[in-house]
Amino acid sequence: MAYLVIAYTKISEKDFNWIQEYRSKNDSRYFNVIKPHFTLVFAISDISEEEFLQEARKQAENIQQFDFELKVATINQ
């Protein structure tokens, strides 16, 4: 099994719908599987779930919540 870490966004309904409309056309495989998010740790499958969780918790233990704003987005295919 692959493990990854994601962060869900706090966005307006209008922005959520706009993103989902785009994803429905360009990410048809996953747009209904997972809500808009940022991937913090990409999928890894060569360690156990417990090892993954321990490392993720260790790396995140001193990180405080922060706000940020995206002013530009680009699409790479």
PDB file of N, CA and C in Angstrom:
ATOM      1  N   MET A   1       0.848  -1.180   0.000  1.00  0.00           N
ATOM      2  CA  MET A   1       0.000   0.000   0.000  1.00  0.00           C
ATOM      3  C   MET A   1       0.891   1.240   0.000  1.00  0.00           C
ATOM      4  N   ALA A   2       0.447   2.279  -0.682  1.00  0.00           N
ATOM      5  CA  ALA A   2       1.178   3.539  -0.725  1.00  0.00           C
ATOM      6  C   ALA A   2       0.623   4.489   0.330  1.00  0.00           C
ATOM      7  N   TYR A   3       1.520   5.246   0.953  1.00  0.00           N
ATOM      8  CA  TYR A   3       1.142   6.216   1.982  1.00  0.00           C
ATOM      9  C   TYR A   3       1.586   7.598   1.527  1.00  0.00           C
ATOM     10  N   LEU A   4       0.783   8.600   1.851  1.00  0.00           N
ATOM     11  CA  LEU A   4       1.118   9.971   1.532  1.00  0.00           C
ATOM     12  C   LEU A   4       0.484  10.894   2.559  1.00  0.00           C
ATOM     13  N   VAL A   5       0.919  12.157   2.556  1.00  0.00           N
ATOM     14  CA  VAL A   5       0.370  13.167   3.469  1.00  0.00           C
ATOM     15  C   VAL A   5      -0.196  14.292   2.619  1.00  0.00           C
ATOM     16  N   ILE A   6      -1.435  14.655   2.914  1.00  0.00           N
ATOM     17  CA  ILE A   6      -2.080  15.750   2.193  1.00  0.00           C
ATOM     18  C   ILE A   6      -2.622  16.775   3.184  1.00  0.00           C
ATOM     19  N   ALA A   7      -2.836  17.981   2.683  1.00  0.00           N
ATOM     20  CA  ALA A   7      -3.461  19.043   3.475  1.00  0.00           C
ATOM     21  C   ALA A   7      -4.648  19.567   2.679  1.00  0.00           C
ATOM     22  N   TYR A   8      -5.802  19.506   3.290  1.00  0.00           N
ATOM     23  CA  TYR A   8      -6.993  20.049   2.636  1.00  0.00           C
ATOM     24  C   TYR A   8      -7.003  21.560   2.770  1.00  0.00           C
ATOM     25  N   THR A   9      -7.598  22.210   1.786  1.00  0.00           N
ATOM     26  CA  THR A   9      -7.638  23.665   1.745  1.00  0.00           C
ATOM     27  C   THR A   9      -8.904  24.208   2.402  1.00  0.00           C
ATOM     28  N   LYS A  10      -8.820  25.430   2.857  1.00  0.00           N
ATOM     29  CA  LYS A  10      -9.997  26.170   3.314  1.00  0.00           C
ATOM     30  C   LYS A  10     -10.264  27.213   2.244  1.00  0.00           C
ATOM     31  N   ILE A  11     -11.251  26.927   1.400  1.00  0.00           N
ATOM     32  CA  ILE A  11     -11.548  27.814   0.276  1.00  0.00           C
ATOM     33  C   ILE A  11     -13.051  28.042   0.191  1.00  0.00           C
ATOM     34  N   SER A  12     -13.399  29.090  -0.527  1.00  0.00           N
ATOM     35  CA  SER A  12     -14.818  29.412  -0.693  1.00  0.00           C
ATOM     36  C   SER A  12     -15.501  28.349  -1.550  1.00  0.00           C
ATOM     37  N   GLU A  13     -16.807  28.294  -1.446  1.00  0.00           N
ATOM     38  CA  GLU A  13     -17.575  27.352  -2.261  1.00  0.00           C
ATOM     39  C   GLU A  13     -17.375  27.649  -3.745  1.00  0.00           C
ATOM     40  N   LYS A  14     -17.311  28.942  -4.087  1.00  0.00           N
ATOM     41  CA  LYS A  14     -17.095  29.343  -5.478  1.00  0.00           C
ATOM     42  C   LYS A  14     -15.765  28.796  -5.993  1.00  0.00           C
ATOM     43  N   ASP A  15     -14.706  28.962  -5.211  1.00  0.00           N
ATOM     44  CA  ASP A  15     -13.396  28.459  -5.619  1.00  0.00           C
ATOM     45  C   ASP A  15     -13.376  26.933  -5.667  1.00  0.00           C
ATOM     46  N   PHE A  16     -14.009  26.295  -4.686  1.00  0.00           N
ATOM     47  CA  PHE A  16     -14.089  24.835  -4.672  1.00  0.00           C
ATOM     48  C   PHE A  16     -14.746  24.334  -5.955  1.00  0.00           C
ATOM     49  N   ASN A  17     -15.867  24.939  -6.324  1.00  0.00           N
ATOM     50  CA  ASN A  17     -16.584  24.523  -7.529  1.00  0.00           C
ATOM     51  C   ASN A  17     -15.761  24.763  -8.789  1.00  0.00           C
ATOM     52  N   TRP A  18     -15.045  25.890  -8.836  1.00  0.00           N
ATOM     53  CA  TRP A  18     -14.190  26.192  -9.980  1.00  0.00           C
ATOM     54  C   TRP A  18     -13.084  25.145 -10.115  1.00  0.00           C
ATOM     55  N   ILE A  19     -12.445  24.815  -9.007  1.00  0.00           N
ATOM     56  CA  ILE A  19     -11.382  23.806  -9.025  1.00  0.00           C
ATOM     57  C   ILE A  19     -11.941  22.455  -9.442  1.00  0.00           C
ATOM     58  N   GLN A  20     -13.075  22.084  -8.883  1.00  0.00           N
ATOM     59  CA  GLN A  20     -13.656  20.782  -9.210  1.00  0.00           C
ATOM     60  C   GLN A  20     -14.100  20.713 -10.675  1.00  0.00           C
ATOM     61  N   GLU A  21     -14.582  21.825 -11.204  1.00  0.00           N
ATOM     62  CA  GLU A  21     -14.955  21.838 -12.619  1.00  0.00           C
ATOM     63  C   GLU A  21     -13.725  21.570 -13.484  1.00  0.00           C
ATOM     64  N   TYR A  22     -12.630  22.241 -13.153  1.00  0.00           N
ATOM     65  CA  TYR A  22     -11.387  22.009 -13.891  1.00  0.00           C
ATOM     66  C   TYR A  22     -10.925  20.559 -13.726  1.00  0.00           C
ATOM     67  N   ARG A  23     -10.939  20.073 -12.502  1.00  0.00           N
ATOM     68  CA  ARG A  23     -10.486  18.706 -12.237  1.00  0.00           C
ATOM     69  C   ARG A  23     -11.367  17.674 -12.934  1.00  0.00           C
ATOM     70  N   SER A  24     -12.659  17.950 -13.056  1.00  0.00           N
ATOM     71  CA  SER A  24     -13.549  16.991 -13.726  1.00  0.00           C
ATOM     72  C   SER A  24     -13.145  16.786 -15.182  1.00  0.00           C
ATOM     73  N   LYS A  25     -12.551  17.814 -15.777  1.00  0.00           N
ATOM     74  CA  LYS A  25     -12.118  17.720 -17.171  1.00  0.00           C
ATOM     75  C   LYS A  25     -10.691  17.196 -17.306  1.00  0.00           C
ATOM     76  N   ASN A  26      -9.860  17.431 -16.290  1.00  0.00           N
ATOM     77  CA  ASN A  26      -8.439  17.137 -16.409  1.00  0.00           C
ATOM     78  C   ASN A  26      -7.908  16.120 -15.407  1.00  0.00           C
ATOM     79  N   ASP A  27      -8.725  15.726 -14.473  1.00  0.00           N
ATOM     80  CA  ASP A  27      -8.316  14.747 -13.461  1.00  0.00           C
ATOM     81  C   ASP A  27      -9.497  13.828 -13.172  1.00  0.00           C
ATOM     82  N   SER A  28     -10.084  13.318 -14.240  1.00  0.00           N
ATOM     83  CA  SER A  28     -11.328  12.551 -14.101  1.00  0.00           C
ATOM     84  C   SER A  28     -11.177  11.320 -13.215  1.00  0.00           C
ATOM     85  N   ARG A  29      -9.972  10.817 -13.106  1.00  0.00           N
ATOM     86  CA  ARG A  29      -9.758   9.618 -12.290  1.00  0.00           C
ATOM     87  C   ARG A  29      -9.930   9.890 -10.797  1.00  0.00           C
ATOM     88  N   TYR A  30      -9.542  11.091 -10.355  1.00  0.00           N
ATOM     89  CA  TYR A  30      -9.509  11.341  -8.913  1.00  0.00           C
ATOM     90  C   TYR A  30     -10.385  12.486  -8.418  1.00  0.00           C
ATOM     91  N   PHE A  31     -10.963  13.284  -9.299  1.00  0.00           N
ATOM     92  CA  PHE A  31     -11.638  14.488  -8.805  1.00  0.00           C
ATOM     93  C   PHE A  31     -12.801  14.183  -7.875  1.00  0.00           C
ATOM     94  N   ASN A  32     -13.427  13.021  -8.008  1.00  0.00           N
ATOM     95  CA  ASN A  32     -14.491  12.632  -7.081  1.00  0.00           C
ATOM     96  C   ASN A  32     -13.988  11.757  -5.942  1.00  0.00           C
ATOM     97  N   VAL A  33     -12.713  11.394  -5.974  1.00  0.00           N
ATOM     98  CA  VAL A  33     -12.140  10.528  -4.941  1.00  0.00           C
ATOM     99  C   VAL A  33     -11.593  11.355  -3.785  1.00  0.00           C
ATOM    100  N   ILE A  34     -10.969  12.467  -4.102  1.00  0.00           N
ATOM    101  CA  ILE A  34     -10.329  13.296  -3.083  1.00  0.00           C
ATOM    102  C   ILE A  34     -10.604  14.764  -3.389  1.00  0.00           C
ATOM    103  N   LYS A  35     -10.919  15.516  -2.344  1.00  0.00           N
ATOM    104  CA  LYS A  35     -11.212  16.942  -2.507  1.00  0.00           C
ATOM    105  C   LYS A  35      -9.923  17.711  -2.821  1.00  0.00           C
ATOM    106  N   PRO A  36     -10.047  18.960  -3.290  1.00  0.00           N
ATOM    107  CA  PRO A  36      -8.859  19.771  -3.547  1.00  0.00           C
ATOM    108  C   PRO A  36      -7.938  19.787  -2.322  1.00  0.00           C
ATOM    109  N   HIS A  37      -6.644  19.639  -2.589  1.00  0.00           N
ATOM    110  CA  HIS A  37      -5.681  19.497  -1.500  1.00  0.00           C
ATOM    111  C   HIS A  37      -4.286  19.847  -2.003  1.00  0.00           C
ATOM    112  N   PHE A  38      -3.363  19.939  -1.066  1.00  0.00           N
ATOM    113  CA  PHE A  38      -1.943  20.034  -1.372  1.00  0.00           C
ATOM    114  C   PHE A  38      -1.297  18.747  -0.902  1.00  0.00           C
ATOM    115  N   THR A  39      -0.454  18.177  -1.723  1.00  0.00           N
ATOM    116  CA  THR A  39       0.281  16.980  -1.330  1.00  0.00           C
ATOM    117  C   THR A  39       1.561  17.430  -0.639  1.00  0.00           C
ATOM    118  N   LEU A  40       1.725  17.034   0.620  1.00  0.00           N
ATOM    119  CA  LEU A  40       2.907  17.407   1.393  1.00  0.00           C
ATOM    120  C   LEU A  40       3.987  16.335   1.319  1.00  0.00           C
ATOM    121  N   VAL A  41       3.575  15.083   1.287  1.00  0.00           N
ATOM    122  CA  VAL A  41       4.498  13.959   1.118  1.00  0.00           C
ATOM    123  C   VAL A  41       3.908  13.074   0.031  1.00  0.00           C
ATOM    124  N   PHE A  42       4.643  12.913  -1.039  1.00  0.00           N
ATOM    125  CA  PHE A  42       4.153  12.090  -2.143  1.00  0.00           C
ATOM    126  C   PHE A  42       4.193  10.617  -1.770  1.00  0.00           C
ATOM    127  N   ALA A  43       3.440   9.833  -2.492  1.00  0.00           N
ATOM    128  CA  ALA A  43       3.235   8.419  -2.167  1.00  0.00           C
ATOM    129  C   ALA A  43       4.550   7.656  -2.052  1.00  0.00           C
ATOM    130  N   ILE A  44       4.596   6.822  -1.022  1.00  0.00           N
ATOM    131  CA  ILE A  44       5.729   5.941  -0.779  1.00  0.00           C
ATOM    132  C   ILE A  44       5.162   4.590  -0.374  1.00  0.00           C
ATOM    133  N   SER A  45       5.779   3.537  -0.836  1.00  0.00           N
ATOM    134  CA  SER A  45       5.212   2.220  -0.542  1.00  0.00           C
ATOM    135  C   SER A  45       6.238   1.203  -0.059  1.00  0.00           C
ATOM    136  N   ASP A  46       7.485   1.625   0.104  1.00  0.00           N
ATOM    137  CA  ASP A  46       8.504   0.649   0.489  1.00  0.00           C
ATOM    138  C   ASP A  46       8.811   0.625   1.985  1.00  0.00           C
ATOM    139  N   ILE A  47       7.904   1.169   2.799  1.00  0.00           N
ATOM    140  CA  ILE A  47       8.031   1.070   4.255  1.00  0.00           C
ATOM    141  C   ILE A  47       6.672   0.680   4.832  1.00  0.00           C
ATOM    142  N   SER A  48       6.695   0.278   6.078  1.00  0.00           N
ATOM    143  CA  SER A  48       5.437  -0.125   6.719  1.00  0.00           C
ATOM    144  C   SER A  48       4.620   1.106   7.100  1.00  0.00           C
ATOM    145  N   GLU A  49       3.348   0.874   7.334  1.00  0.00           N
ATOM    146  CA  GLU A  49       2.468   1.961   7.769  1.00  0.00           C
ATOM    147  C   GLU A  49       2.987   2.580   9.062  1.00  0.00           C
ATOM    148  N   GLU A  50       3.393   1.761  10.005  1.00  0.00           N
ATOM    149  CA  GLU A  50       3.883   2.271  11.292  1.00  0.00           C
ATOM    150  C   GLU A  50       5.139   3.120  11.109  1.00  0.00           C
ATOM    151  N   GLU A  51       6.066   2.671  10.265  1.00  0.00           N
ATOM    152  CA  GLU A  51       7.278   3.461   9.997  1.00  0.00           C
ATOM    153  C   GLU A  51       6.912   4.802   9.365  1.00  0.00           C
ATOM    154  N   PHE A  52       5.985   4.771   8.423  1.00  0.00           N
ATOM    155  CA  PHE A  52       5.557   5.997   7.761  1.00  0.00           C
ATOM    156  C   PHE A  52       4.951   6.967   8.764  1.00  0.00           C
ATOM    157  N   LEU A  53       4.034   6.468   9.597  1.00  0.00           N
ATOM    158  CA  LEU A  53       3.380   7.326  10.586  1.00  0.00           C
ATOM    159  C   LEU A  53       4.379   7.898  11.579  1.00  0.00           C
ATOM    160  N   GLN A  54       5.304   7.079  12.046  1.00  0.00           N
ATOM    161  CA  GLN A  54       6.315   7.560  12.996  1.00  0.00           C
ATOM    162  C   GLN A  54       7.143   8.686  12.379  1.00  0.00           C
ATOM    163  N   GLU A  55       7.589   8.492  11.151  1.00  0.00           N
ATOM    164  CA  GLU A  55       8.410   9.510  10.493  1.00  0.00           C
ATOM    165  C   GLU A  55       7.602  10.774  10.211  1.00  0.00           C
ATOM    166  N   ALA A  56       6.379  10.637   9.742  1.00  0.00           N
ATOM    167  CA  ALA A  56       5.539  11.807   9.463  1.00  0.00           C
ATOM    168  C   ALA A  56       5.283  12.601  10.742  1.00  0.00           C
ATOM    169  N   ARG A  57       4.978  11.912  11.817  1.00  0.00           N
ATOM    170  CA  ARG A  57       4.748  12.601  13.101  1.00  0.00           C
ATOM    171  C   ARG A  57       6.017  13.290  13.585  1.00  0.00           C
ATOM    172  N   LYS A  58       7.142  12.614  13.462  1.00  0.00           N
ATOM    173  CA  LYS A  58       8.424  13.188  13.888  1.00  0.00           C
ATOM    174  C   LYS A  58       8.716  14.471  13.113  1.00  0.00           C
ATOM    175  N   GLN A  59       8.524  14.435  11.801  1.00  0.00           N
ATOM    176  CA  GLN A  59       8.824  15.599  10.968  1.00  0.00           C
ATOM    177  C   GLN A  59       7.844  16.750  11.209  1.00  0.00           C
ATOM    178  N   ALA A  60       6.627  16.441  11.602  1.00  0.00           N
ATOM    179  CA  ALA A  60       5.593  17.468  11.762  1.00  0.00           C
ATOM    180  C   ALA A  60       5.458  17.991  13.183  1.00  0.00           C
ATOM    181  N   GLU A  61       6.128  17.385  14.142  1.00  0.00           N
ATOM    182  CA  GLU A  61       5.851  17.708  15.543  1.00  0.00           C
ATOM    183  C   GLU A  61       6.119  19.157  15.925  1.00  0.00           C
ATOM    184  N   ASN A  62       7.027  19.842  15.272  1.00  0.00           N
ATOM    185  CA  ASN A  62       7.321  21.234  15.629  1.00  0.00           C
ATOM    186  C   ASN A  62       6.823  22.238  14.595  1.00  0.00           C
ATOM    187  N   ILE A  63       6.003  21.794  13.687  1.00  0.00           N
ATOM    188  CA  ILE A  63       5.483  22.691  12.652  1.00  0.00           C
ATOM    189  C   ILE A  63       4.172  23.301  13.137  1.00  0.00           C
ATOM    190  N   GLN A  64       4.113  24.621  13.076  1.00  0.00           N
ATOM    191  CA  GLN A  64       2.910  25.346  13.466  1.00  0.00           C
ATOM    192  C   GLN A  64       2.048  25.602  12.234  1.00  0.00           C
ATOM    193  N   GLN A  65       0.756  25.755  12.454  1.00  0.00           N
ATOM    194  CA  GLN A  65      -0.150  26.098  11.362  1.00  0.00           C
ATOM    195  C   GLN A  65       0.259  27.439  10.774  1.00  0.00           C
ATOM    196  N   PHE A  66       0.121  27.578   9.464  1.00  0.00           N
ATOM    197  CA  PHE A  66       0.446  28.840   8.817  1.00  0.00           C
ATOM    198  C   PHE A  66      -0.535  29.088   7.677  1.00  0.00           C
ATOM    199  N   ASP A  67      -0.707  30.353   7.356  1.00  0.00           N
ATOM    200  CA  ASP A  67      -1.567  30.758   6.251  1.00  0.00           C
ATOM    201  C   ASP A  67      -0.692  31.132   5.061  1.00  0.00           C
ATOM    202  N   PHE A  68      -1.206  30.916   3.878  1.00  0.00           N
ATOM    203  CA  PHE A  68      -0.535  31.405   2.685  1.00  0.00           C
ATOM    204  C   PHE A  68      -1.564  31.640   1.597  1.00  0.00           C
ATOM    205  N   GLU A  69      -1.169  32.424   0.619  1.00  0.00           N
ATOM    206  CA  GLU A  69      -2.073  32.787  -0.465  1.00  0.00           C
ATOM    207  C   GLU A  69      -1.391  32.505  -1.792  1.00  0.00           C
ATOM    208  N   LEU A  70      -2.110  31.858  -2.685  1.00  0.00           N
ATOM    209  CA  LEU A  70      -1.601  31.612  -4.033  1.00  0.00           C
ATOM    210  C   LEU A  70      -2.057  32.753  -4.929  1.00  0.00           C
ATOM    211  N   LYS A  71      -1.119  33.403  -5.570  1.00  0.00           N
ATOM    212  CA  LYS A  71      -1.462  34.508  -6.459  1.00  0.00           C
ATOM    213  C   LYS A  71      -1.483  34.072  -7.919  1.00  0.00           C
ATOM    214  N   VAL A  72      -0.775  32.998  -8.223  1.00  0.00           N
ATOM    215  CA  VAL A  72      -0.692  32.501  -9.589  1.00  0.00           C
ATOM    216  C   VAL A  72      -0.663  30.983  -9.544  1.00  0.00           C
ATOM    217  N   ALA A  73      -1.305  30.373 -10.495  1.00  0.00           N
ATOM    218  CA  ALA A  73      -1.243  28.914 -10.624  1.00  0.00           C
ATOM    219  C   ALA A  73      -0.929  28.578 -12.072  1.00  0.00           C
ATOM    220  N   THR A  74      -0.090  27.588 -12.254  1.00  0.00           N
ATOM    221  CA  THR A  74       0.211  27.117 -13.598  1.00  0.00           C
ATOM    222  C   THR A  74      -0.136  25.642 -13.692  1.00  0.00           C
ATOM    223  N   ILE A  75      -0.395  25.208 -14.882  1.00  0.00           N
ATOM    224  CA  ILE A  75      -0.744  23.812 -15.118  1.00  0.00           C
ATOM    225  C   ILE A  75       0.358  23.192 -15.958  1.00  0.00           C
ATOM    226  N   ASN A  76       0.946  22.132 -15.438  1.00  0.00           N
ATOM    227  CA  ASN A  76       1.992  21.409 -16.156  1.00  0.00           C
ATOM    228  C   ASN A  76       1.479  20.023 -16.488  1.00  0.00           C
ATOM    229  N   GLN A  77       1.597  19.662 -17.736  1.00  0.00           N
ATOM    230  CA  GLN A  77       1.135  18.330 -18.141  1.00  0.00           C
ATOM    231  C   GLN A  77       2.249  17.561 -18.784  1.00  0.00           C
TER     232      GLN A  77
END
